[in-house]
């Protein structure tokens, strides 16, 4: 399993970095749209959406939604801010569900889970495409965001193994500990300092604070998928990536982190 994970990572990471830095924004949007569509197909399994015509219609509706977000003018940053801010409502609901799991009825409601799949993936796609579209520094910011999440995740893993004892959300993900959470925050602080040097954002203190909030949301994204997988009684969202499970298993943290990072960045740069 470890060998498979390493081989998959060795193959995928250079491709992801190349796609971010080399592809024009429209092709970047298409590539990550394809990744999101695969994620939607995996979400059907977690949400209990029947295969066949129903699942195909659900995926087609999601593709249509991405198309609308791509072609309909959003009135610049203001429109994106409104859409990304509205997506935070979804994550507040998810936080309450994680804190109360396994109590609550929403996890048994197929309609809620179907709508949740769109809220999970569409704002993430919009955030990444918007960030990537920045003329001067967009691809570098996207790469920084992903590395911020990877660094925080790695720091959480090692600190949790070394000092972990108190469980963070034992009913949702028994392996995650408070030590891992603080390790993720510490790793995020260190990487955000590197980001200030490389990116030179308009507000250094605000940028560090934004990175910390982004790290916390990345943990929530991870917990959210764990909750839905536990409810569906599956170990992985899929088996597309050897040793890693499915696409959702690799992007769960990004689904929550990307919207809040881009929203915060736009607010910082607008002076709010």
Protein backbone atom coordinates (compact mmCIF):
# COMPACT_ATOMS: atom_id res chain seq x y z
CA UNK A 1 0.00 0.00 0.00
CA UNK A 2 2.76 2.47 0.90
CA UNK A 3 4.61 1.67 -2.34
CA UNK A 4 1.42 2.29 -4.33
CA UNK A 5 0.85 5.60 -2.55
CA UNK A 6 4.39 6.77 -3.25
CA UNK A 7 4.30 5.75 -6.91
CA UNK A 8 0.96 7.48 -7.45
CA UNK A 9 2.22 10.64 -5.74
CA UNK A 10 5.46 10.62 -7.76
CA UNK A 11 3.45 10.45 -10.98
CA UNK A 12 0.68 12.89 -10.06
CA UNK A 13 2.49 15.73 -8.29
CA UNK A 14 4.65 16.80 -11.28
CA UNK A 15 1.59 16.64 -13.53
CA UNK A 16 -0.44 18.81 -11.15
CA UNK A 17 2.35 21.36 -10.83
CA UNK A 18 2.79 21.46 -14.62
CA UNK A 19 -0.95 21.90 -15.17
CA UNK A 20 -1.11 24.79 -12.70
CA UNK A 21 1.92 26.64 -14.04
CA UNK A 22 1.73 25.90 -17.76
CA UNK A 23 -1.92 25.65 -18.79
CA UNK A 24 -3.87 28.75 -19.89
CA UNK A 25 -6.79 29.49 -17.59
CA UNK A 26 -9.45 28.05 -19.89
CA UNK A 27 -7.65 24.70 -20.13
CA UNK A 28 -6.95 24.74 -16.41
CA UNK A 29 -10.70 25.25 -15.87
CA UNK A 30 -11.50 22.32 -18.15
CA UNK A 31 -8.98 20.01 -16.46
CA UNK A 32 -10.12 20.78 -12.94
CA UNK A 33 -13.71 20.67 -14.12
CA UNK A 34 -13.06 17.10 -15.27
CA UNK A 35 -11.57 16.28 -11.87
CA UNK A 36 -14.66 17.78 -10.20
CA UNK A 37 -16.96 15.70 -12.43
CA UNK A 38 -15.12 12.53 -11.39
CA UNK A 39 -15.56 13.69 -7.80
CA UNK A 40 -19.30 14.11 -8.40
CA UNK A 41 -19.51 10.55 -9.73
CA UNK A 42 -17.81 9.33 -6.54
CA UNK A 43 -20.12 11.50 -4.45
CA UNK A 44 -23.09 9.61 -5.87
CA UNK A 45 -21.82 6.54 -4.06
CA UNK A 46 -21.56 8.39 -0.75
CA UNK A 47 -24.94 10.08 -1.20
CA UNK A 48 -26.78 6.92 -2.19
CA UNK A 49 -27.72 8.28 -5.64
CA UNK A 50 -28.70 5.31 -7.85
CA UNK A 51 -26.46 4.40 -10.77
CA UNK A 52 -27.67 4.60 -14.33
CA UNK A 53 -29.94 7.37 -15.60
CA UNK A 54 -30.30 9.13 -12.23
CA UNK A 55 -26.57 9.30 -11.65
CA UNK A 56 -25.92 10.34 -15.25
CA UNK A 57 -28.51 13.13 -14.97
CA UNK A 58 -26.99 14.29 -11.70
CA UNK A 59 -23.51 14.48 -13.24
CA UNK A 60 -24.86 16.25 -16.34
CA UNK A 61 -26.58 18.83 -14.14
CA UNK A 62 -23.29 19.47 -12.36
CA UNK A 63 -21.49 19.96 -15.69
CA UNK A 64 -24.22 22.42 -16.67
CA UNK A 65 -23.69 24.30 -13.40
CA UNK A 66 -19.96 24.64 -14.07
CA UNK A 67 -20.75 25.83 -17.59
CA UNK A 68 -23.06 28.51 -16.23
CA UNK A 69 -20.43 29.66 -13.74
CA UNK A 70 -17.92 29.84 -16.60
CA UNK A 71 -19.95 31.77 -19.17
CA UNK A 72 -22.28 33.95 -17.09
CA UNK A 73 -20.66 37.25 -16.01
CA UNK A 74 -20.22 37.47 -12.25
CA UNK A 75 -19.62 41.24 -12.20
CA UNK A 76 -15.96 40.84 -11.35
CA UNK A 77 -14.69 40.10 -7.88
CA UNK A 78 -17.95 41.21 -6.22
CA UNK A 79 -19.94 38.41 -7.81
CA UNK A 80 -17.31 35.82 -6.90
CA UNK A 81 -17.21 37.12 -3.33
CA UNK A 82 -20.98 36.74 -2.98
CA UNK A 83 -20.97 33.18 -4.33
CA UNK A 84 -18.02 32.07 -2.23
CA UNK A 85 -19.45 33.71 0.89
CA UNK A 86 -22.73 31.87 0.34
CA UNK A 87 -20.82 28.58 0.18
CA UNK A 88 -19.62 29.17 3.74
CA UNK A 89 -23.20 28.55 4.89
CA UNK A 90 -22.75 24.97 3.68
CA UNK A 91 -19.59 24.57 5.73
CA UNK A 92 -21.26 25.94 8.86
CA UNK A 93 -23.93 23.27 8.43
CA UNK A 94 -21.24 20.63 7.93
CA UNK A 95 -19.38 21.76 11.04
CA UNK A 96 -22.55 21.34 13.10
CA UNK A 97 -23.12 17.92 11.56
CA UNK A 98 -19.56 16.82 12.37
CA UNK A 99 -19.87 18.03 15.96
CA UNK A 100 -23.16 16.19 16.43
CA UNK A 101 -22.41 13.00 14.47
CA UNK A 102 -24.01 10.44 14.49
CA UNK A 103 -27.03 12.39 15.71
CA UNK A 104 -29.11 14.25 13.16
CA UNK A 105 -31.30 13.30 10.22
CA UNK A 106 -29.69 15.19 7.33
CA UNK A 107 -27.28 12.34 6.63
CA UNK A 108 -30.27 10.12 5.91
CA UNK A 109 -31.83 12.64 3.54
CA UNK A 110 -30.84 11.79 -0.02
CA UNK A 111 -32.05 15.13 -1.39
CA UNK A 112 -29.85 17.03 1.05
CA UNK A 113 -26.85 14.90 0.14
CA UNK A 114 -27.50 15.43 -3.56
CA UNK A 115 -27.53 19.22 -3.13
CA UNK A 116 -24.52 18.98 -0.81
CA UNK A 117 -22.43 17.44 -3.58
CA UNK A 118 -22.87 20.57 -5.68
CA UNK A 119 -22.01 22.86 -2.75
CA UNK A 120 -18.97 20.73 -2.05
CA UNK A 121 -17.39 20.85 -5.50
CA UNK A 122 -18.74 23.80 -7.52
CA UNK A 123 -17.47 26.60 -5.20
CA UNK A 124 -14.11 24.85 -4.98
CA UNK A 125 -13.84 24.78 -8.78
CA UNK A 126 -14.92 28.41 -9.02
CA UNK A 127 -12.37 29.46 -6.38
CA UNK A 128 -9.46 27.67 -8.07
CA UNK A 129 -10.34 28.95 -11.54
CA UNK A 130 -10.78 32.51 -10.25
CA UNK A 131 -7.47 32.39 -8.42
CA UNK A 132 -5.67 30.89 -11.42
CA UNK A 133 -7.06 33.59 -13.72
CA UNK A 134 -5.09 36.37 -12.00
CA UNK A 135 -2.87 37.69 -14.77
CA UNK A 136 0.41 38.16 -12.92
CA UNK A 137 0.45 35.69 -10.04
CA UNK A 138 -2.59 33.40 -10.29
CA UNK A 139 -0.86 30.06 -10.97
CA UNK A 140 1.71 30.75 -8.22
CA UNK A 141 -1.10 31.48 -5.74
CA UNK A 142 -2.86 28.23 -6.69
CA UNK A 143 0.36 26.31 -6.16
CA UNK A 144 0.88 28.05 -2.81
CA UNK A 145 -2.65 27.13 -1.70
CA UNK A 146 -2.14 23.46 -2.53
CA UNK A 147 1.26 23.31 -0.86
CA UNK A 148 -0.18 25.05 2.22
CA UNK A 149 -2.70 22.23 2.54
CA UNK A 150 -0.10 19.54 1.86
CA UNK A 151 2.32 20.98 4.44
CA UNK A 152 -0.44 21.30 7.04
CA UNK A 153 -1.63 17.75 6.36
CA UNK A 154 1.90 16.34 6.67
CA UNK A 155 2.54 18.30 9.88
CA UNK A 156 -0.75 17.00 11.28
CA UNK A 157 0.20 13.42 10.45
CA UNK A 158 3.62 13.51 12.10
CA UNK A 159 2.58 15.53 15.17
CA UNK A 160 -0.43 13.30 15.64
CA UNK A 161 1.72 10.18 15.54
CA UNK A 162 4.25 11.69 17.95
CA UNK A 163 2.04 13.43 20.50
CA UNK A 164 -1.51 12.43 19.63
CA UNK A 165 -3.68 11.22 22.49
CA UNK A 166 -6.81 13.37 22.72
CA UNK A 167 -9.17 12.58 19.84
CA UNK A 168 -10.50 15.51 17.82
CA UNK A 169 -13.68 13.92 16.44
CA UNK A 170 -13.70 10.27 17.50
CA UNK A 171 -17.15 9.51 16.09
CA UNK A 172 -16.17 10.81 12.66
CA UNK A 173 -12.45 10.03 12.31
CA UNK A 174 -10.88 8.21 15.28
CA UNK A 175 -7.34 8.67 13.92
CA UNK A 176 -7.39 12.47 14.06
CA UNK A 177 -6.13 14.09 17.26
CA UNK A 178 -5.89 17.57 18.75
CA UNK A 179 -2.10 17.30 18.54
CA UNK A 180 -2.50 16.73 14.81
CA UNK A 181 -4.68 19.81 14.54
CA UNK A 182 -2.14 22.01 16.32
CA UNK A 183 0.60 20.49 14.19
CA UNK A 184 -1.34 21.48 11.08
CA UNK A 185 -1.69 25.04 12.38
CA UNK A 186 2.04 25.23 13.18
CA UNK A 187 2.94 23.92 9.73
CA UNK A 188 0.56 26.44 8.19
CA UNK A 189 2.17 29.33 10.07
CA UNK A 190 5.62 28.36 8.83
CA UNK A 191 4.46 27.97 5.23
CA UNK A 192 2.46 31.20 5.30
CA UNK A 193 5.64 33.02 6.34
CA UNK A 194 7.32 31.56 3.25
CA UNK A 195 4.29 32.69 1.25
CA UNK A 196 4.75 36.28 2.42
CA UNK A 197 8.31 36.23 1.15
CA UNK A 198 7.39 34.67 -2.20
CA UNK A 199 4.03 36.33 -2.92
CA UNK A 200 4.34 39.67 -1.09
CA UNK A 201 0.60 40.01 -0.34
CA UNK A 202 -0.93 43.38 0.45
CA UNK A 203 -1.38 42.59 4.16
CA UNK A 204 1.19 40.29 5.79
CA UNK A 205 -0.60 39.84 9.13
CA UNK A 206 -3.95 39.41 7.43
CA UNK A 207 -2.41 36.90 5.02
CA UNK A 208 -1.07 34.76 7.88
CA UNK A 209 -4.47 34.87 9.59
CA UNK A 210 -6.12 33.86 6.32
CA UNK A 211 -3.73 30.93 5.95
CA UNK A 212 -4.58 29.75 9.46
CA UNK A 213 -8.31 29.89 8.76
CA UNK A 214 -7.67 28.06 5.48
CA UNK A 215 -5.83 25.29 7.32
CA UNK A 216 -8.71 24.91 9.79
CA UNK A 217 -11.19 24.68 6.92
CA UNK A 218 -8.99 22.09 5.21
CA UNK A 219 -9.31 19.95 8.34
CA UNK A 220 -13.08 20.43 8.25
CA UNK A 221 -13.15 19.34 4.60
CA UNK A 222 -11.28 16.17 5.54
CA UNK A 223 -13.67 15.50 8.43
CA UNK A 224 -16.68 16.14 6.21
CA UNK A 225 -15.73 13.44 3.74
CA UNK A 226 -14.86 11.06 6.57
CA UNK A 227 -18.35 11.63 8.00
CA UNK A 228 -20.10 10.92 4.71
CA UNK A 229 -17.93 7.84 4.08
CA UNK A 230 -18.64 6.53 7.57
CA UNK A 231 -22.35 7.10 7.04
CA UNK A 232 -22.17 5.25 3.70
CA UNK A 233 -20.06 2.49 5.32
CA UNK A 234 -17.24 2.73 2.78
CA UNK A 235 -13.50 3.11 3.35
CA UNK A 236 -12.68 5.16 0.23
CA UNK A 237 -14.73 7.31 -2.11
CA UNK A 238 -13.41 5.30 -5.06
CA UNK A 239 -10.43 3.33 -6.36
CA UNK A 240 -9.19 5.48 -9.24
CA UNK A 241 -5.87 6.35 -7.57
CA UNK A 242 -3.90 3.28 -6.43
CA UNK A 243 -3.02 3.52 -2.76
CA UNK A 244 -4.98 6.77 -2.35
CA UNK A 245 -8.57 5.74 -2.98
CA UNK A 246 -10.69 8.05 -5.07
CA UNK A 247 -10.47 11.63 -6.28
CA UNK A 248 -12.57 12.89 -3.37
CA UNK A 249 -10.12 11.27 -0.96
CA UNK A 250 -7.37 13.49 -2.43
CA UNK A 251 -9.28 16.76 -2.75
CA UNK A 252 -11.49 16.66 0.36
CA UNK A 253 -9.37 19.26 2.18
CA UNK A 254 -9.26 21.51 -0.90
CA UNK A 255 -13.06 21.56 -1.24
CA UNK A 256 -13.32 23.57 1.98
CA UNK A 257 -9.97 25.37 1.89
CA UNK A 258 -10.08 26.83 -1.64
CA UNK A 259 -13.32 28.86 -1.29
CA UNK A 260 -12.33 30.39 2.05
CA UNK A 261 -8.78 31.18 0.88
CA UNK A 262 -9.90 32.92 -2.31
CA UNK A 263 -12.74 34.72 -0.52
CA UNK A 264 -10.34 35.97 2.16
CA UNK A 265 -7.74 37.00 -0.40
CA UNK A 266 -10.27 39.03 -2.39
CA UNK A 267 -11.50 40.73 0.79
CA UNK A 268 -7.95 41.54 1.90
CA UNK A 269 -7.10 43.03 -1.46
CA UNK A 270 -10.30 45.06 -1.55
CA UNK A 271 -9.41 46.60 1.80
CA UNK A 272 -12.32 45.08 3.71
